[in-house]
Amino acid sequence: MNGTCNLCLNEKPLIKCSHLFPNFMYKGIGDEKNRINVISSSNAYQKKTVQSGAYEENILCAECDNNLLSKLERYANNYLYSRFCNANCADFEQITNCNGIELIRCKNIEYSQFKLFLQSLIWRASISNHPLFINFKLLPEDNERLRQSIVNLKPLEKHDFACVLMTPSNTDEVETDLVFINSTKPNKPSFFINQFVYLFFLDQKQIDNATEELILNYNNEMAVTKLTSNNWETLRHSVYNGVADITQQNIAKDNNASA
């Protein structure tokens, strides 16, 4: 069908399947039939499986989806997801900072490409009507800033929608099969996507010195925090609590509306 593409804003034929997170981010989550369990915070009691990751119909044209966004996704996949980053190599250095926190220092990561990739994740989640993202919405002016930046391939400054990545120190010891956006903390939404957590900072005032050392910088470096098994499970537990809290709020809204 024809319609207005959400990214370029041109009237064009829209594609039927735009993945909101690229498929490589779901690697290893599916069962033997490649089905994925979906939890919606709008109805946590409804069990649903899907054959592939979250997608939405008729929101992007083929040029924006298959060309512009796909190039950003390809870069992120080639740099981070298709490689083993928990071992020392030219691009990944395993270090312990002065506070005793284990980190992966990512080097030679192209700022423009990866920053735009991060921006595309939070933008797509915000504009989507998919149940997975129904409780996460940015301000309209933030959506527009992100859209213009992405479509023009001009990344925002490093403190704009800054993102900290976290991963378990040993993926063999913990569960990583979770896809969820935890929006219960104001100005700090967490995107739990399989083996990585993306923590976005919507308020630049909340970026302290410790955070500054982690976010993607103009020297084409960033650091991924490595969490112990206990810390990773604690983080996952906080997600389930967030789902429960949001579900209770939605149930209360429904009850009040029907009263």
C-alpha atoms as a PDB file:
ATOM      1  CA  MET A   1       0.000   0.000   0.000  1.00  0.00           C
ATOM      2  CA  ASN A   2       1.000   3.613  -0.510  1.00  0.00           C
ATOM      3  CA  GLY A   3       1.455   5.935   2.426  1.00  0.00           C
ATOM      4  CA  THR A   4       3.811   8.351   4.138  1.00  0.00           C
ATOM      5  CA  CYS A   5       7.113   6.806   5.172  1.00  0.00           C
ATOM      6  CA  ASN A   6       7.840   7.623   8.812  1.00  0.00           C
ATOM      7  CA  LEU A   7      11.511   8.252   8.088  1.00  0.00           C
ATOM      8  CA  CYS A   8      11.778  10.171   4.805  1.00  0.00           C
ATOM      9  CA  LEU A   9       8.185  11.521   5.024  1.00  0.00           C
ATOM     10  CA  ASN A  10       7.690  10.892   1.307  1.00  0.00           C
ATOM     11  CA  GLU A  11       4.531   9.366  -0.148  1.00  0.00           C
ATOM     12  CA  LYS A  12       5.668   5.945  -1.362  1.00  0.00           C
ATOM     13  CA  PRO A  13       4.729   2.271  -1.406  1.00  0.00           C
ATOM     14  CA  LEU A  14       5.309   0.992   2.130  1.00  0.00           C
ATOM     15  CA  ILE A  15       6.738  -2.433   2.896  1.00  0.00           C
ATOM     16  CA  LYS A  16       4.724  -5.044   4.786  1.00  0.00           C
ATOM     17  CA  CYS A  17       7.408  -6.098   7.265  1.00  0.00           C
ATOM     18  CA  SER A  18       9.728  -3.585   8.932  1.00  0.00           C
ATOM     19  CA  HIS A  19      11.697  -5.165  11.762  1.00  0.00           C
ATOM     20  CA  LEU A  20      11.832  -2.825  14.732  1.00  0.00           C
ATOM     21  CA  PHE A  21      15.002  -4.484  15.973  1.00  0.00           C
ATOM     22  CA  PRO A  22      17.161  -6.258  13.356  1.00  0.00           C
ATOM     23  CA  ASN A  23      16.954 -10.039  13.320  1.00  0.00           C
ATOM     24  CA  PHE A  24      20.601 -10.602  14.279  1.00  0.00           C
ATOM     25  CA  MET A  25      19.869  -9.105  17.707  1.00  0.00           C
ATOM     26  CA  TYR A  26      17.517 -12.044  18.436  1.00  0.00           C
ATOM     27  CA  LYS A  27      20.086 -14.716  17.589  1.00  0.00           C
ATOM     28  CA  GLY A  28      19.755 -17.755  19.870  1.00  0.00           C
ATOM     29  CA  ILE A  29      16.447 -16.717  21.469  1.00  0.00           C
ATOM     30  CA  GLY A  30      14.094 -18.847  19.360  1.00  0.00           C
ATOM     31  CA  ASP A  31      13.139 -22.447  20.079  1.00  0.00           C
ATOM     32  CA  GLU A  32      13.756 -25.376  17.747  1.00  0.00           C
ATOM     33  CA  LYS A  33      11.158 -23.908  15.362  1.00  0.00           C
ATOM     34  CA  ASN A  34      12.653 -20.400  15.659  1.00  0.00           C
ATOM     35  CA  ARG A  35       9.636 -19.160  17.630  1.00  0.00           C
ATOM     36  CA  ILE A  36      10.023 -16.361  20.164  1.00  0.00           C
ATOM     37  CA  ASN A  37       7.897 -15.803  23.248  1.00  0.00           C
ATOM     38  CA  VAL A  38       6.545 -12.258  23.468  1.00  0.00           C
ATOM     39  CA  ILE A  39       5.572 -10.469  26.684  1.00  0.00           C
ATOM     40  CA  SER A  40       3.482  -7.342  26.323  1.00  0.00           C
ATOM     41  CA  SER A  41       3.325  -4.985  29.274  1.00  0.00           C
ATOM     42  CA  SER A  42      -0.208  -4.071  28.193  1.00  0.00           C
ATOM     43  CA  ASN A  43      -1.327  -7.663  28.862  1.00  0.00           C
ATOM     44  CA  ALA A  44       1.322  -9.764  30.613  1.00  0.00           C
ATOM     45  CA  TYR A  45      -1.119 -12.652  31.022  1.00  0.00           C
ATOM     46  CA  GLN A  46      -1.496 -13.219  27.308  1.00  0.00           C
ATOM     47  CA  LYS A  47       0.913 -15.841  25.988  1.00  0.00           C
ATOM     48  CA  LYS A  48       2.019 -15.291  22.420  1.00  0.00           C
ATOM     49  CA  THR A  49       4.722 -16.666  20.168  1.00  0.00           C
ATOM     50  CA  VAL A  50       5.980 -15.115  16.951  1.00  0.00           C
ATOM     51  CA  GLN A  51       8.076 -16.576  14.176  1.00  0.00           C
ATOM     52  CA  SER A  52      10.533 -13.702  14.056  1.00  0.00           C
ATOM     53  CA  GLY A  53      11.382 -10.559  15.949  1.00  0.00           C
ATOM     54  CA  ALA A  54       9.009  -7.653  16.443  1.00  0.00           C
ATOM     55  CA  TYR A  55       7.977  -6.015  13.201  1.00  0.00           C
ATOM     56  CA  GLU A  56       5.354  -3.584  11.992  1.00  0.00           C
ATOM     57  CA  GLU A  57       3.559  -3.119   8.707  1.00  0.00           C
ATOM     58  CA  ASN A  58       3.436  -0.027   6.533  1.00  0.00           C
ATOM     59  CA  ILE A  59       5.699   2.309   8.499  1.00  0.00           C
ATOM     60  CA  LEU A  60       8.729   2.559   6.173  1.00  0.00           C
ATOM     61  CA  CYS A  61       9.413   2.624   2.461  1.00  0.00           C
ATOM     62  CA  ALA A  62      11.791   0.111   0.895  1.00  0.00           C
ATOM     63  CA  GLU A  63      14.539   2.694   0.368  1.00  0.00           C
ATOM     64  CA  CYS A  64      14.631   3.694   4.049  1.00  0.00           C
ATOM     65  CA  ASP A  65      14.257   0.175   5.418  1.00  0.00           C
ATOM     66  CA  ASN A  66      16.326  -1.912   3.019  1.00  0.00           C
ATOM     67  CA  ASN A  67      18.991   0.653   2.218  1.00  0.00           C
ATOM     68  CA  LEU A  68      19.462   3.401   4.803  1.00  0.00           C
ATOM     69  CA  LEU A  69      18.663   1.488   8.002  1.00  0.00           C
ATOM     70  CA  SER A  70      20.056  -1.804   6.727  1.00  0.00           C
ATOM     71  CA  LYS A  71      23.492  -0.249   6.205  1.00  0.00           C
ATOM     72  CA  LEU A  72      23.553   0.917   9.832  1.00  0.00           C
ATOM     73  CA  GLU A  73      22.415  -2.510  11.020  1.00  0.00           C
ATOM     74  CA  ARG A  74      25.027  -4.240   8.879  1.00  0.00           C
ATOM     75  CA  TYR A  75      27.757  -2.159  10.456  1.00  0.00           C
ATOM     76  CA  ALA A  76      26.577  -2.942  14.017  1.00  0.00           C
ATOM     77  CA  ASN A  77      26.320  -6.624  13.188  1.00  0.00           C
ATOM     78  CA  ASN A  78      29.761  -6.811  11.589  1.00  0.00           C
ATOM     79  CA  TYR A  79      31.464  -4.861  14.356  1.00  0.00           C
ATOM     80  CA  LEU A  80      29.764  -6.208  17.489  1.00  0.00           C
ATOM     81  CA  TYR A  81      27.297  -9.050  17.023  1.00  0.00           C
ATOM     82  CA  SER A  82      29.108 -11.318  14.588  1.00  0.00           C
ATOM     83  CA  ARG A  83      32.282 -11.363  16.696  1.00  0.00           C
ATOM     84  CA  PHE A  84      33.258 -12.621  20.149  1.00  0.00           C
ATOM     85  CA  CYS A  85      33.861  -9.425  22.098  1.00  0.00           C
ATOM     86  CA  ASN A  86      34.674 -11.150  25.427  1.00  0.00           C
ATOM     87  CA  ALA A  87      38.242 -11.826  24.324  1.00  0.00           C
ATOM     88  CA  ASN A  88      41.186  -9.544  23.641  1.00  0.00           C
ATOM     89  CA  CYS A  89      41.814  -8.524  20.061  1.00  0.00           C
ATOM     90  CA  ALA A  90      42.645  -5.365  18.128  1.00  0.00           C
ATOM     91  CA  ASP A  91      39.137  -3.937  18.569  1.00  0.00           C
ATOM     92  CA  PHE A  92      38.154  -5.380  21.969  1.00  0.00           C
ATOM     93  CA  GLU A  93      40.261  -5.005  25.107  1.00  0.00           C
ATOM     94  CA  GLN A  94      39.221  -6.646  28.406  1.00  0.00           C
ATOM     95  CA  ILE A  95      40.016  -4.244  31.246  1.00  0.00           C
ATOM     96  CA  THR A  96      39.152  -3.536  34.890  1.00  0.00           C
ATOM     97  CA  ASN A  97      38.670   0.138  35.741  1.00  0.00           C
ATOM     98  CA  CYS A  98      39.736   1.940  38.919  1.00  0.00           C
ATOM     99  CA  ASN A  99      36.429   1.019  40.571  1.00  0.00           C
ATOM    100  CA  GLY A 100      36.977  -2.702  40.001  1.00  0.00           C
ATOM    101  CA  ILE A 101      34.364  -2.923  37.221  1.00  0.00           C
ATOM    102  CA  GLU A 102      35.136  -5.215  34.305  1.00  0.00           C
ATOM    103  CA  LEU A 103      34.754  -3.583  30.914  1.00  0.00           C
ATOM    104  CA  ILE A 104      35.184  -4.305  27.243  1.00  0.00           C
ATOM    105  CA  ARG A 105      36.953  -1.354  25.685  1.00  0.00           C
ATOM    106  CA  CYS A 106      35.696  -1.167  22.109  1.00  0.00           C
ATOM    107  CA  LYS A 107      38.133   0.551  19.776  1.00  0.00           C
ATOM    108  CA  ASN A 108      38.022   1.510  16.098  1.00  0.00           C
ATOM    109  CA  ILE A 109      34.232   1.769  16.202  1.00  0.00           C
ATOM    110  CA  GLU A 110      33.052   4.352  13.707  1.00  0.00           C
ATOM    111  CA  TYR A 111      31.206   7.042  15.651  1.00  0.00           C
ATOM    112  CA  SER A 112      28.852   8.090  12.879  1.00  0.00           C
ATOM    113  CA  GLN A 113      27.702   4.598  11.924  1.00  0.00           C
ATOM    114  CA  PHE A 114      27.223   3.217  15.419  1.00  0.00           C
ATOM    115  CA  LYS A 115      25.685   6.403  16.845  1.00  0.00           C
ATOM    116  CA  LEU A 116      23.102   6.422  14.065  1.00  0.00           C
ATOM    117  CA  PHE A 117      22.425   2.732  14.686  1.00  0.00           C
ATOM    118  CA  LEU A 118      21.747   3.449  18.375  1.00  0.00           C
ATOM    119  CA  GLN A 119      19.526   6.374  17.429  1.00  0.00           C
ATOM    120  CA  SER A 120      17.581   4.167  15.029  1.00  0.00           C
ATOM    121  CA  LEU A 121      16.788   1.689  17.819  1.00  0.00           C
ATOM    122  CA  ILE A 122      15.261   4.244  20.159  1.00  0.00           C
ATOM    123  CA  TRP A 123      13.498   6.093  17.320  1.00  0.00           C
ATOM    124  CA  ARG A 124      11.838   2.968  15.928  1.00  0.00           C
ATOM    125  CA  ALA A 125      10.739   1.874  19.390  1.00  0.00           C
ATOM    126  CA  SER A 126       9.206   5.282  20.030  1.00  0.00           C
ATOM    127  CA  ILE A 127       7.205   5.594  16.804  1.00  0.00           C
ATOM    128  CA  SER A 128       6.012   1.990  16.865  1.00  0.00           C
ATOM    129  CA  ASN A 129       2.523   0.827  17.814  1.00  0.00           C
ATOM    130  CA  HIS A 130       3.755  -2.707  18.452  1.00  0.00           C
ATOM    131  CA  PRO A 131       2.645  -4.111  21.866  1.00  0.00           C
ATOM    132  CA  LEU A 132       6.290  -4.600  22.865  1.00  0.00           C
ATOM    133  CA  PHE A 133       6.839  -0.841  22.824  1.00  0.00           C
ATOM    134  CA  ILE A 134       3.411   0.455  23.788  1.00  0.00           C
ATOM    135  CA  ASN A 135       4.593   1.934  27.099  1.00  0.00           C
ATOM    136  CA  PHE A 136       7.609   3.684  25.588  1.00  0.00           C
ATOM    137  CA  LYS A 137       7.165   6.972  23.777  1.00  0.00           C
ATOM    138  CA  LEU A 138       9.521   9.928  23.331  1.00  0.00           C
ATOM    139  CA  LEU A 139       8.341  13.495  23.027  1.00  0.00           C
ATOM    140  CA  PRO A 140       7.320  14.432  19.455  1.00  0.00           C
ATOM    141  CA  GLU A 141      10.185  16.915  19.226  1.00  0.00           C
ATOM    142  CA  ASP A 142      12.662  14.191  20.228  1.00  0.00           C
ATOM    143  CA  ASN A 143      11.261  11.852  17.578  1.00  0.00           C
ATOM    144  CA  GLU A 144      11.711  14.578  14.986  1.00  0.00           C
ATOM    145  CA  ARG A 145      15.303  15.336  16.019  1.00  0.00           C
ATOM    146  CA  LEU A 146      16.151  11.676  15.731  1.00  0.00           C
ATOM    147  CA  ARG A 147      14.336  11.280  12.412  1.00  0.00           C
ATOM    148  CA  GLN A 148      16.117  14.219  10.807  1.00  0.00           C
ATOM    149  CA  SER A 149      19.464  13.021  12.081  1.00  0.00           C
ATOM    150  CA  ILE A 150      18.960   9.491  10.756  1.00  0.00           C
ATOM    151  CA  VAL A 151      17.500  10.343   7.363  1.00  0.00           C
ATOM    152  CA  ASN A 152      20.281  12.897   6.727  1.00  0.00           C
ATOM    153  CA  LEU A 153      22.956  10.544   8.101  1.00  0.00           C
ATOM    154  CA  LYS A 154      24.175  13.255  10.457  1.00  0.00           C
ATOM    155  CA  PRO A 155      24.631  11.764  13.947  1.00  0.00           C
ATOM    156  CA  LEU A 156      23.742  13.793  17.015  1.00  0.00           C
ATOM    157  CA  GLU A 157      26.298  14.861  19.612  1.00  0.00           C
ATOM    158  CA  LYS A 158      27.631  12.187  21.961  1.00  0.00           C
ATOM    159  CA  HIS A 159      25.505  13.335  24.929  1.00  0.00           C
ATOM    160  CA  ASP A 160      22.287  13.342  22.894  1.00  0.00           C
ATOM    161  CA  PHE A 161      20.470  10.081  23.660  1.00  0.00           C
ATOM    162  CA  ALA A 162      23.730   8.719  25.065  1.00  0.00           C
ATOM    163  CA  CYS A 163      23.741   4.969  25.514  1.00  0.00           C
ATOM    164  CA  VAL A 164      25.581   2.597  27.855  1.00  0.00           C
ATOM    165  CA  LEU A 165      25.808  -1.075  26.882  1.00  0.00           C
ATOM    166  CA  MET A 166      25.938  -3.940  29.375  1.00  0.00           C
ATOM    167  CA  THR A 167      26.474  -7.654  28.873  1.00  0.00           C
ATOM    168  CA  PRO A 168      27.037 -10.693  31.119  1.00  0.00           C
ATOM    169  CA  SER A 169      30.673 -11.584  31.705  1.00  0.00           C
ATOM    170  CA  ASN A 170      29.889 -15.195  30.788  1.00  0.00           C
ATOM    171  CA  THR A 171      26.861 -15.822  28.577  1.00  0.00           C
ATOM    172  CA  ASP A 172      27.129 -19.576  29.221  1.00  0.00           C
ATOM    173  CA  GLU A 173      26.206 -19.107  32.896  1.00  0.00           C
ATOM    174  CA  VAL A 174      23.129 -16.892  32.601  1.00  0.00           C
ATOM    175  CA  GLU A 175      19.911 -16.545  30.654  1.00  0.00           C
ATOM    176  CA  THR A 176      19.948 -13.959  27.866  1.00  0.00           C
ATOM    177  CA  ASP A 177      16.662 -14.755  26.099  1.00  0.00           C
ATOM    178  CA  LEU A 178      14.840 -11.533  26.928  1.00  0.00           C
ATOM    179  CA  VAL A 179      13.517  -8.753  24.720  1.00  0.00           C
ATOM    180  CA  PHE A 180      11.800  -5.942  26.595  1.00  0.00           C
ATOM    181  CA  ILE A 181      11.869  -2.186  27.078  1.00  0.00           C
ATOM    182  CA  ASN A 182      11.814  -1.131  30.718  1.00  0.00           C
ATOM    183  CA  SER A 183      10.529   2.443  30.781  1.00  0.00           C
ATOM    184  CA  THR A 184       9.777   2.646  34.516  1.00  0.00           C
ATOM    185  CA  LYS A 185      12.792   4.872  35.269  1.00  0.00           C
ATOM    186  CA  PRO A 186      12.202   8.422  34.009  1.00  0.00           C
ATOM    187  CA  ASN A 187      14.764   9.548  31.452  1.00  0.00           C
ATOM    188  CA  LYS A 188      16.601   6.187  31.597  1.00  0.00           C
ATOM    189  CA  PRO A 189      14.798   3.598  29.456  1.00  0.00           C
ATOM    190  CA  SER A 190      16.504   0.195  29.300  1.00  0.00           C
ATOM    191  CA  PHE A 191      16.320  -1.892  26.152  1.00  0.00           C
ATOM    192  CA  PHE A 192      16.883  -5.554  27.068  1.00  0.00           C
ATOM    193  CA  ILE A 193      17.735  -7.304  23.811  1.00  0.00           C
ATOM    194  CA  ASN A 194      19.117 -10.807  24.248  1.00  0.00           C
ATOM    195  CA  GLN A 195      22.724 -10.644  25.486  1.00  0.00           C
ATOM    196  CA  PHE A 196      22.935  -6.845  25.654  1.00  0.00           C
ATOM    197  CA  VAL A 197      21.205  -4.145  27.668  1.00  0.00           C
ATOM    198  CA  TYR A 198      21.058  -0.698  26.092  1.00  0.00           C
ATOM    199  CA  LEU A 199      20.611   1.995  28.738  1.00  0.00           C
ATOM    200  CA  PHE A 200      19.681   5.317  27.142  1.00  0.00           C
ATOM    201  CA  PHE A 201      20.061   8.676  28.885  1.00  0.00           C
ATOM    202  CA  LEU A 202      17.344  11.108  27.826  1.00  0.00           C
ATOM    203  CA  ASP A 203      18.507  13.768  30.289  1.00  0.00           C
ATOM    204  CA  GLN A 204      22.090  14.897  29.744  1.00  0.00           C
ATOM    205  CA  LYS A 205      22.280  16.107  33.351  1.00  0.00           C
ATOM    206  CA  GLN A 206      22.238  12.466  34.482  1.00  0.00           C
ATOM    207  CA  ILE A 207      25.470  11.677  32.642  1.00  0.00           C
ATOM    208  CA  ASP A 208      28.116  11.634  35.361  1.00  0.00           C
ATOM    209  CA  ASN A 209      31.870  11.117  35.021  1.00  0.00           C
ATOM    210  CA  ALA A 210      31.576   7.341  35.278  1.00  0.00           C
ATOM    211  CA  THR A 211      28.975   7.266  32.511  1.00  0.00           C
ATOM    212  CA  GLU A 212      31.068   9.619  30.394  1.00  0.00           C
ATOM    213  CA  GLU A 213      33.815   6.989  30.275  1.00  0.00           C
ATOM    214  CA  LEU A 214      31.409   4.388  28.869  1.00  0.00           C
ATOM    215  CA  ILE A 215      29.441   6.115  26.136  1.00  0.00           C
ATOM    216  CA  LEU A 216      30.480   6.229  22.489  1.00  0.00           C
ATOM    217  CA  ASN A 217      32.903   9.111  21.975  1.00  0.00           C
ATOM    218  CA  TYR A 218      34.460  11.069  19.150  1.00  0.00           C
ATOM    219  CA  ASN A 219      37.661   9.020  19.440  1.00  0.00           C
ATOM    220  CA  ASN A 220      35.695   6.074  18.037  1.00  0.00           C
ATOM    221  CA  GLU A 221      35.718   4.227  21.349  1.00  0.00           C
ATOM    222  CA  MET A 222      33.179   3.092  23.921  1.00  0.00           C
ATOM    223  CA  ALA A 223      33.095   0.629  26.803  1.00  0.00           C
ATOM    224  CA  VAL A 224      30.669  -2.236  27.431  1.00  0.00           C
ATOM    225  CA  THR A 225      30.139  -3.057  31.102  1.00  0.00           C
ATOM    226  CA  LYS A 226      30.563  -6.753  31.937  1.00  0.00           C
ATOM    227  CA  LEU A 227      28.152  -7.841  34.674  1.00  0.00           C
ATOM    228  CA  THR A 228      28.677 -10.786  37.001  1.00  0.00           C
ATOM    229  CA  SER A 229      26.105 -13.570  36.893  1.00  0.00           C
ATOM    230  CA  ASN A 230      24.467 -12.276  40.087  1.00  0.00           C
ATOM    231  CA  ASN A 231      24.275  -8.701  38.820  1.00  0.00           C
ATOM    232  CA  TRP A 232      22.873  -9.844  35.474  1.00  0.00           C
ATOM    233  CA  GLU A 233      20.134 -11.892  37.149  1.00  0.00           C
ATOM    234  CA  THR A 234      19.336  -8.972  39.466  1.00  0.00           C
ATOM    235  CA  LEU A 235      18.945  -6.767  36.424  1.00  0.00           C
ATOM    236  CA  ARG A 236      16.630  -9.297  34.764  1.00  0.00           C
ATOM    237  CA  HIS A 237      14.596  -9.539  37.961  1.00  0.00           C
ATOM    238  CA  SER A 238      14.100  -5.775  37.899  1.00  0.00           C
ATOM    239  CA  VAL A 239      12.580  -6.152  34.429  1.00  0.00           C
ATOM    240  CA  TYR A 240      10.004  -8.660  35.663  1.00  0.00           C
ATOM    241  CA  ASN A 241       9.100  -6.287  38.475  1.00  0.00           C
ATOM    242  CA  GLY A 242       8.736  -3.528  35.915  1.00  0.00           C
ATOM    243  CA  VAL A 243       6.432  -5.680  33.792  1.00  0.00           C
ATOM    244  CA  ALA A 244       4.299  -6.459  36.850  1.00  0.00           C
ATOM    245  CA  ASP A 245       4.071  -2.805  37.874  1.00  0.00           C
ATOM    246  CA  ILE A 246       3.083  -1.636  34.397  1.00  0.00           C
ATOM    247  CA  THR A 247       0.567  -4.456  34.048  1.00  0.00           C
ATOM    248  CA  GLN A 248      -1.090  -3.465  37.319  1.00  0.00           C
ATOM    249  CA  GLN A 249      -1.277   0.146  36.137  1.00  0.00           C
ATOM    250  CA  ASN A 250      -2.869  -0.908  32.845  1.00  0.00           C
ATOM    251  CA  ILE A 251      -5.371  -3.166  34.598  1.00  0.00           C
ATOM    252  CA  ALA A 252      -6.303  -0.298  36.927  1.00  0.00           C
ATOM    253  CA  LYS A 253      -6.803   1.999  33.922  1.00  0.00           C
ATOM    254  CA  ASP A 254      -9.045  -0.580  32.244  1.00  0.00           C
ATOM    255  CA  ASN A 255     -11.083  -1.066  35.421  1.00  0.00           C
ATOM    256  CA  ASN A 256     -11.520   2.677  35.883  1.00  0.00           C
ATOM    257  CA  ALA A 257     -12.542   3.094  32.258  1.00  0.00           C
ATOM    258  CA  SER A 258     -15.197   0.376  32.523  1.00  0.00           C
ATOM    259  CA  ALA A 259     -16.539   1.537  35.900  1.00  0.00           C
END
